[in-house]
Amino acid sequence: MLIVRVLSAFAKPVLVGGIVTASAVGGFLAVDHFRGAGPTAFEQARGNGPRLVVSAFSEREDSIVAINPSNVSDRTTIATVDHAAGYGIFATLAPGGKALAYTALPPASAKPAPDAPAQAVIVDAGGKTTLLADDIDLLIAPVWAPDAQSVVVRKNTTAADSAGSFELLRLGRDGSRTSLTTWQSAAVFPIAFAPDGSKLYFATLNTTGSDLYSVAPDGSGETKIAHLSDEISRDWTLSPDGAKLAYSVAVSGSAPALVTRTLDLATGSTADALPSGAASAAFNPAWKPNGQLTVGALSAGGGAGAVEISRSGESTPLTQNAASMDVPLSWSPDGSALAVRSVQGTTPASAGAASLDLVDSRGNRRRVGDGTDVLVVGWLR
């Protein structure tokens, strides 16, 4: 069962100040579910300068909220999505901001679980809802093609005594369904399309480590690009120009560490984002629109800040924290604000309460929501 409500701009309440507040688990209070005549709140939120779009979890429905980064009390709920009790959605905003896609367990799921078959759904700004599939993985958020006409999702088919098979599917808004690749020897994770849409990049993880592959949108020409690490890699993110991939690697051995590296897709060369000794851990890379990289950097004395790295490799602290840790998530389209997950504690082992914050170019921050259940969906321009 699919239940999505897109709010009318003429029916929704004013979402400012105390009317929308964070709950104990980081969600937002429920708002009007009426879809009336006239332009939708989604349509009205577009074209008014950058807006951070988040999904806010509650037990049986998630709210999609657009937030003004200059005034975080200026919030507009653009849609609500019902889901199975206790299992929120994973959503991404389309290029151009005219639609969003999400994975969700249906409200009527008999036995909801993280590995239960999920739906893939697209909601456009006008309120049209399209169910693309009902047999895909919940925890892997859809990856949009540059033309916003299709998304890539993952489907895991389990098997006795093994992890089964992992398949990447391209689901078109026209109802098409294309299998791009299927693996039994490794788990696969879609990363991003090349800016021109000519290929999809994806990562594989197995006992031999992590590799990067590409495949054409029709499933042809699968190619291994690089061996990323003998260890587990994660946090893969493609640069705005499509020239580099940034990712985090957990390094084991006598001196375990978490480092962030970049891969030049043209030459195959890799480099540490921060020089050795600059931080005791570097994680969660996020690209600025101008091509600069931002990483979370854990200091030897405890606490982690966001560090900006220029094209020439020079690093500049954006935030510095002694008793908390900033995890970079996503830059605004104009590069004026960075969304970070702020976690209390000096090290990951002592992690405590968390919040979603916005940080400007001077390091000033504004609280968006408490808890870990407010997730970044994307940015409206």
Protein backbone atom coordinates (compact mmCIF):
# COMPACT_ATOMS: atom_id res chain seq x y z
CA MET A 1 0.00 0.00 0.00
CA LEU A 2 1.36 3.38 -1.06
CA ILE A 3 0.36 6.48 0.91
CA VAL A 4 1.96 9.82 0.05
CA ARG A 5 0.50 13.25 0.72
CA VAL A 6 1.79 16.35 -1.03
CA LEU A 7 0.66 19.50 0.71
CA SER A 8 -1.16 22.38 -0.91
CA ALA A 9 0.47 25.75 -0.40
CA PHE A 10 -2.99 27.14 0.41
CA ALA A 11 -3.85 24.43 2.94
CA LYS A 12 -0.62 24.00 4.89
CA PRO A 13 -0.06 25.82 8.19
CA VAL A 14 2.75 28.34 8.59
CA LEU A 15 5.79 26.29 9.64
CA VAL A 16 7.88 28.68 11.68
CA GLY A 17 9.09 29.06 15.22
CA GLY A 18 7.61 26.53 17.63
CA ILE A 19 5.07 25.06 15.21
CA VAL A 20 7.72 22.70 13.82
CA THR A 21 9.99 21.44 16.57
CA ALA A 22 12.29 18.48 17.07
CA SER A 23 10.92 15.62 19.11
CA ALA A 24 12.91 13.44 21.49
CA VAL A 25 13.92 11.15 18.63
CA GLY A 26 14.72 13.96 16.21
CA GLY A 27 11.52 13.90 14.16
CA PHE A 28 9.15 16.78 13.50
CA LEU A 29 5.63 17.23 14.81
CA ALA A 30 2.91 16.13 12.43
CA VAL A 31 1.43 18.74 10.07
CA ASP A 32 -1.58 19.07 7.78
CA HIS A 33 -2.02 16.10 5.43
CA PHE A 34 -4.48 17.80 3.09
CA ARG A 35 -3.62 18.02 -0.63
CA GLY A 36 -5.84 20.80 -1.92
CA ALA A 37 -6.08 22.91 -5.07
CA GLY A 38 -3.41 25.32 -6.21
CA PRO A 39 0.37 25.03 -6.28
CA THR A 40 1.86 22.52 -3.90
CA ALA A 41 4.21 23.46 -1.10
CA PHE A 42 6.90 21.53 -3.00
CA GLU A 43 6.39 23.80 -6.04
CA GLN A 44 6.40 26.92 -3.88
CA ALA A 45 9.62 25.91 -2.11
CA ARG A 46 11.51 25.78 -5.42
CA GLY A 47 13.12 28.91 -6.84
CA ASN A 48 13.37 30.83 -3.56
CA GLY A 49 17.10 30.44 -3.04
CA PRO A 50 18.83 27.40 -1.53
CA ARG A 51 16.68 25.20 0.69
CA LEU A 52 17.95 22.21 2.63
CA VAL A 53 15.54 19.30 2.20
CA VAL A 54 15.44 16.72 4.99
CA SER A 55 13.35 13.68 5.87
CA ALA A 56 12.17 13.70 9.48
CA PHE A 57 11.31 10.33 10.99
CA SER A 58 8.33 9.47 13.14
CA GLU A 59 7.02 6.04 14.08
CA ARG A 60 4.59 5.61 11.19
CA GLU A 61 5.22 8.49 8.76
CA ASP A 62 8.12 10.67 7.66
CA SER A 63 7.88 14.35 6.76
CA ILE A 64 9.86 15.90 3.90
CA VAL A 65 10.78 19.42 4.98
CA ALA A 66 12.45 22.29 3.07
CA ILE A 67 14.47 24.61 5.34
CA ASN A 68 15.82 28.10 4.65
CA PRO A 69 19.52 27.95 5.63
CA SER A 70 19.54 31.67 6.42
CA ASN A 71 16.64 31.29 8.84
CA VAL A 72 16.20 27.69 9.97
CA SER A 73 12.84 28.46 11.59
CA ASP A 74 11.52 29.13 8.06
CA ARG A 75 10.40 25.58 7.19
CA THR A 76 7.94 24.13 4.71
CA THR A 77 6.72 20.53 4.83
CA ILE A 78 6.37 19.52 1.19
CA ALA A 79 5.19 15.90 1.62
CA THR A 80 4.53 13.18 4.16
CA VAL A 81 5.04 9.45 3.58
CA ASP A 82 3.42 6.64 5.56
CA HIS A 83 5.63 3.62 6.23
CA ALA A 84 5.83 0.45 8.30
CA ALA A 85 6.01 1.08 12.02
CA GLY A 86 9.55 1.89 13.12
CA TYR A 87 11.13 1.91 9.64
CA GLY A 88 11.70 5.30 8.01
CA ILE A 89 12.33 6.18 4.39
CA PHE A 90 15.60 6.83 2.53
CA ALA A 91 15.14 9.67 0.07
CA THR A 92 17.14 11.67 -2.49
CA LEU A 93 16.29 14.82 -4.43
CA ALA A 94 16.35 14.76 -8.22
CA PRO A 95 18.79 16.92 -10.22
CA GLY A 96 16.93 20.17 -10.79
CA GLY A 97 14.82 19.63 -7.69
CA LYS A 98 11.56 18.81 -9.49
CA ALA A 99 11.05 15.42 -7.82
CA LEU A 100 12.28 13.18 -5.05
CA ALA A 101 12.71 9.41 -4.88
CA TYR A 102 12.63 7.22 -1.82
CA THR A 103 12.65 3.64 -0.58
CA ALA A 104 10.15 2.58 2.09
CA LEU A 105 8.46 -0.42 3.65
CA PRO A 106 4.71 -0.24 3.01
CA PRO A 107 2.53 0.69 6.03
CA ALA A 108 0.77 -2.68 5.87
CA SER A 109 3.97 -4.75 5.94
CA ALA A 110 3.21 -7.96 7.84
CA LYS A 111 6.73 -8.52 9.18
CA PRO A 112 8.76 -5.32 8.73
CA ALA A 113 12.53 -5.78 8.92
CA PRO A 114 15.58 -4.02 7.45
CA ASP A 115 15.90 -6.71 4.76
CA ALA A 116 12.19 -6.95 3.90
CA PRO A 117 11.24 -6.05 0.30
CA ALA A 118 10.79 -2.29 -0.02
CA GLN A 119 9.11 0.03 -2.47
CA ALA A 120 10.88 2.53 -4.72
CA VAL A 121 8.72 5.61 -5.29
CA ILE A 122 9.05 8.95 -7.08
CA VAL A 123 7.05 12.02 -6.06
CA ASP A 124 7.18 15.05 -8.35
CA ALA A 125 6.73 18.66 -7.30
CA GLY A 126 3.15 18.71 -8.58
CA GLY A 127 2.16 15.79 -6.39
CA LYS A 128 2.21 12.92 -8.90
CA THR A 129 3.35 9.71 -7.23
CA THR A 130 4.86 6.81 -9.21
CA LEU A 131 5.55 3.38 -7.74
CA LEU A 132 8.59 2.02 -9.57
CA ALA A 133 9.19 -1.29 -7.77
CA ASP A 134 8.18 -3.20 -4.64
CA ASP A 135 11.04 -5.70 -4.31
CA ILE A 136 14.16 -3.65 -3.64
CA ASP A 137 16.46 -2.90 -0.67
CA LEU A 138 15.26 -0.40 1.91
CA LEU A 139 18.63 0.83 3.20
CA ILE A 140 20.18 1.85 -0.15
CA ALA A 141 18.86 5.28 -1.17
CA PRO A 142 18.00 5.80 -4.87
CA VAL A 143 20.70 7.27 -7.11
CA TRP A 144 19.34 9.66 -9.74
CA ALA A 145 20.44 9.79 -13.38
CA PRO A 146 21.50 13.31 -14.47
CA ASP A 147 18.40 13.75 -16.65
CA ALA A 148 16.14 12.92 -13.67
CA GLN A 149 14.26 10.33 -15.74
CA SER A 150 15.43 7.24 -13.84
CA VAL A 151 16.97 6.07 -10.58
CA VAL A 152 19.25 3.18 -9.64
CA VAL A 153 18.37 1.01 -6.65
CA ARG A 154 19.70 -2.25 -5.23
CA LYS A 155 17.98 -5.60 -4.88
CA ASN A 156 19.42 -8.31 -2.62
CA THR A 157 18.11 -11.83 -3.19
CA THR A 158 19.03 -13.99 -0.21
CA ALA A 159 20.09 -17.62 -0.40
CA ALA A 160 20.70 -20.35 2.15
CA ASP A 161 24.16 -20.25 3.73
CA SER A 162 25.23 -17.18 1.74
CA ALA A 163 24.54 -13.51 1.24
CA GLY A 164 22.80 -14.34 -2.02
CA SER A 165 22.99 -12.03 -5.02
CA PHE A 166 23.16 -8.25 -5.27
CA GLU A 167 21.62 -6.59 -8.31
CA LEU A 168 21.60 -2.94 -9.39
CA LEU A 169 18.42 -1.94 -11.21
CA ARG A 170 17.73 1.20 -13.25
CA LEU A 171 14.08 2.10 -12.85
CA GLY A 172 12.64 4.57 -15.34
CA ARG A 173 9.85 7.00 -14.66
CA ASP A 174 8.30 5.54 -17.84
CA GLY A 175 7.98 2.13 -16.13
CA SER A 176 11.14 0.58 -17.60
CA ARG A 177 13.32 -1.74 -15.52
CA THR A 178 16.91 -2.55 -16.54
CA SER A 179 19.29 -4.87 -14.72
CA LEU A 180 22.71 -3.19 -14.77
CA THR A 181 24.79 -5.78 -12.92
CA THR A 182 24.39 -8.79 -10.63
CA TRP A 183 27.00 -10.08 -8.19
CA GLN A 184 27.20 -13.17 -6.00
CA SER A 185 30.84 -12.71 -4.98
CA ALA A 186 30.53 -9.22 -3.48
CA ALA A 187 28.04 -6.71 -2.12
CA VAL A 188 27.49 -3.83 -4.55
CA PHE A 189 26.67 -0.20 -3.79
CA PRO A 190 25.58 2.41 -6.38
CA ILE A 191 27.54 5.66 -6.05
CA ALA A 192 26.69 8.16 -8.80
CA PHE A 193 26.32 8.65 -12.52
CA ALA A 194 28.99 10.48 -14.50
CA PRO A 195 27.78 14.06 -15.09
CA ASP A 196 27.00 13.28 -18.75
CA GLY A 197 25.02 10.17 -17.78
CA SER A 198 27.25 7.87 -19.81
CA LYS A 199 28.04 5.51 -16.94
CA LEU A 200 27.13 4.58 -13.38
CA TYR A 201 29.90 4.15 -10.83
CA PHE A 202 29.46 1.49 -8.17
CA ALA A 203 31.58 -0.08 -5.44
CA THR A 204 32.02 -3.73 -4.52
CA LEU A 205 32.93 -5.09 -1.09
CA ASN A 206 34.09 -8.60 -0.27
CA THR A 207 36.88 -10.42 1.58
CA THR A 208 39.51 -9.10 -0.85
CA GLY A 209 38.62 -5.47 -0.13
CA SER A 210 36.93 -2.73 -2.12
CA ASP A 211 36.84 -2.04 -5.85
CA LEU A 212 35.34 0.63 -8.10
CA TYR A 213 33.46 -0.29 -11.29
CA SER A 214 31.46 1.47 -13.96
CA VAL A 215 28.64 0.27 -16.20
CA ALA A 216 26.62 1.90 -18.98
CA PRO A 217 22.95 2.83 -18.36
CA ASP A 218 21.85 -0.15 -20.47
CA GLY A 219 23.94 -2.60 -18.45
CA SER A 220 26.72 -2.98 -21.03
CA GLY A 221 30.44 -2.31 -20.75
CA GLU A 222 30.99 -3.18 -17.10
CA THR A 223 34.57 -2.14 -16.31
CA LYS A 224 36.77 -2.29 -13.26
CA ILE A 225 38.15 1.20 -12.66
CA ALA A 226 40.39 0.72 -9.62
CA HIS A 227 41.12 -1.33 -6.54
CA LEU A 228 40.24 1.11 -3.78
CA SER A 229 41.62 -0.78 -0.79
CA ASP A 230 42.43 -4.18 0.66
CA GLU A 231 40.16 -3.07 3.50
CA ILE A 232 36.58 -1.84 3.72
CA SER A 233 35.84 1.47 2.00
CA ARG A 234 32.75 3.63 2.40
CA ASP A 235 31.40 7.20 2.04
CA TRP A 236 32.04 7.18 -1.73
CA THR A 237 31.25 10.53 -3.37
CA LEU A 238 31.92 11.78 -6.90
CA SER A 239 33.29 15.29 -7.48
CA PRO A 240 30.97 17.80 -9.20
CA ASP A 241 32.98 17.59 -12.44
CA GLY A 242 33.09 13.80 -12.32
CA ALA A 243 36.90 13.73 -12.34
CA LYS A 244 37.58 12.34 -8.84
CA LEU A 245 36.11 9.96 -6.32
CA ALA A 246 36.56 10.59 -2.60
CA TYR A 247 36.07 7.79 -0.09
CA SER A 248 36.95 6.69 3.43
CA VAL A 249 39.01 3.59 4.23
CA ALA A 250 39.35 1.71 7.51
CA VAL A 251 43.03 0.75 7.76
CA SER A 252 43.86 -2.18 10.03
CA GLY A 253 47.19 -3.48 11.26
CA SER A 254 49.49 -2.26 14.03
CA ALA A 255 48.14 1.29 13.75
CA PRO A 256 44.41 1.14 12.86
CA ALA A 257 43.09 4.34 11.31
CA LEU A 258 40.31 5.84 9.25
CA VAL A 259 41.57 7.87 6.29
CA THR A 260 39.95 9.69 3.39
CA ARG A 261 41.44 9.25 -0.06
CA THR A 262 40.78 10.61 -3.51
CA LEU A 263 41.00 8.68 -6.77
CA ASP A 264 41.74 10.45 -10.06
CA LEU A 265 39.46 8.61 -12.48
CA ALA A 266 41.56 9.54 -15.51
CA THR A 267 44.95 8.45 -14.20
CA GLY A 268 44.01 5.93 -11.50
CA SER A 269 46.24 7.67 -8.97
CA THR A 270 45.15 7.87 -5.33
CA ALA A 271 46.15 10.27 -2.58
CA ASP A 272 45.29 10.85 1.07
CA ALA A 273 43.04 13.88 1.40
CA LEU A 274 44.96 15.01 4.49
CA PRO A 275 48.71 14.49 4.94
CA SER A 276 49.84 11.81 7.36
CA GLY A 277 49.70 13.08 10.95
CA ALA A 278 47.32 15.96 10.16
CA ALA A 279 44.47 14.12 11.91
CA SER A 280 44.05 10.87 13.80
CA ALA A 281 41.10 10.06 11.53
CA ALA A 282 39.60 11.61 8.37
CA PHE A 283 36.08 10.65 7.29
CA ASN A 284 32.86 11.52 5.44
CA PRO A 285 34.16 13.51 2.47
CA ALA A 286 31.79 16.10 0.99
CA TRP A 287 32.49 18.05 -2.22
CA LYS A 288 31.91 21.78 -2.39
CA PRO A 289 30.30 22.99 -5.65
CA ASN A 290 33.63 24.61 -6.66
CA GLY A 291 35.40 21.23 -6.46
CA GLN A 292 37.04 21.67 -3.06
CA LEU A 293 36.79 18.76 -0.66
CA THR A 294 35.64 18.86 2.97
CA VAL A 295 36.34 16.05 5.45
CA GLY A 296 35.72 15.38 9.10
CA ALA A 297 39.04 15.37 10.95
CA LEU A 298 39.49 13.85 14.40
CA SER A 299 42.25 15.56 16.37
CA ALA A 300 44.73 13.67 18.53
CA GLY A 301 43.45 15.51 21.59
CA GLY A 302 39.83 14.58 20.90
CA GLY A 303 36.98 16.24 19.08
CA ALA A 304 36.52 16.51 15.33
CA GLY A 305 35.97 19.47 13.05
CA ALA A 306 35.19 19.97 9.38
CA VAL A 307 38.31 20.75 7.32
CA GLU A 308 38.26 22.30 3.83
CA ILE A 309 40.94 21.16 1.39
CA SER A 310 41.85 23.36 -1.57
CA ARG A 311 42.67 22.00 -5.04
CA SER A 312 46.35 22.49 -4.24
CA GLY A 313 46.01 20.38 -1.07
CA GLU A 314 46.06 23.13 1.56
CA SER A 315 43.72 22.48 4.48
CA THR A 316 41.76 25.06 6.46
CA PRO A 317 39.59 24.29 9.51
CA LEU A 318 35.96 25.27 9.02
CA THR A 319 34.92 24.13 12.49
CA GLN A 320 36.99 23.16 15.53
CA ASN A 321 35.54 21.21 18.44
CA ALA A 322 37.13 19.87 21.62
CA ALA A 323 34.14 17.96 23.00
CA SER A 324 32.10 17.14 19.90
CA MET A 325 32.54 15.80 16.38
CA ASP A 326 31.29 17.22 13.08
CA VAL A 327 30.49 14.76 10.29
CA PRO A 328 30.27 16.62 6.92
CA LEU A 329 27.18 15.69 4.89
CA SER A 330 26.32 18.08 2.07
CA TRP A 331 27.14 21.59 0.79
CA SER A 332 24.49 24.02 -0.42
CA PRO A 333 24.47 24.73 -4.20
CA ASP A 334 26.04 28.17 -3.65
CA GLY A 335 28.69 26.89 -1.23
CA SER A 336 27.45 29.11 1.59
CA ALA A 337 26.36 26.39 4.04
CA LEU A 338 27.47 22.90 4.99
CA ALA A 339 25.10 20.40 6.62
CA VAL A 340 26.91 18.42 9.33
CA ARG A 341 25.96 15.76 11.83
CA SER A 342 27.21 17.09 15.15
CA VAL A 343 27.89 14.33 17.69
CA GLN A 344 28.71 14.96 21.33
CA GLY A 345 31.88 13.25 22.57
CA THR A 346 35.62 13.43 22.02
CA THR A 347 35.96 10.16 20.09
CA PRO A 348 33.61 7.76 18.26
CA ALA A 349 33.86 5.42 21.26
CA SER A 350 32.35 8.11 23.49
CA ALA A 351 29.69 9.30 21.03
CA GLY A 352 26.58 10.72 22.64
CA ALA A 353 23.68 12.93 21.57
CA ALA A 354 23.59 14.10 17.97
CA SER A 355 22.02 16.87 15.93
CA LEU A 356 21.83 18.09 12.34
CA ASP A 357 23.43 21.54 12.02
CA LEU A 358 24.15 24.02 9.25
CA VAL A 359 27.56 25.71 9.27
CA ASP A 360 28.38 28.82 7.23
CA SER A 361 31.74 29.81 5.73
CA ARG A 362 32.80 31.47 9.01
CA GLY A 363 32.02 28.43 11.11
CA ASN A 364 28.80 29.83 12.57
CA ARG A 365 26.19 27.12 13.11
CA ARG A 366 22.43 26.81 13.26
CA ARG A 367 20.56 23.82 14.66
CA VAL A 368 18.23 22.08 12.20
CA GLY A 369 17.05 19.17 14.35
CA ASP A 370 18.03 16.95 17.25
CA GLY A 371 18.76 13.24 17.08
CA THR A 372 19.96 11.05 14.22
CA ASP A 373 16.58 10.59 12.54
CA VAL A 374 16.65 13.80 10.50
CA LEU A 375 18.34 12.86 7.21
CA VAL A 376 19.55 15.06 4.35
CA VAL A 377 17.56 14.49 1.14
CA GLY A 378 19.27 17.20 -0.92
CA TRP A 379 19.18 20.91 -1.74
CA LEU A 380 16.65 22.95 -3.70
CA ARG A 381 18.14 25.85 -5.63
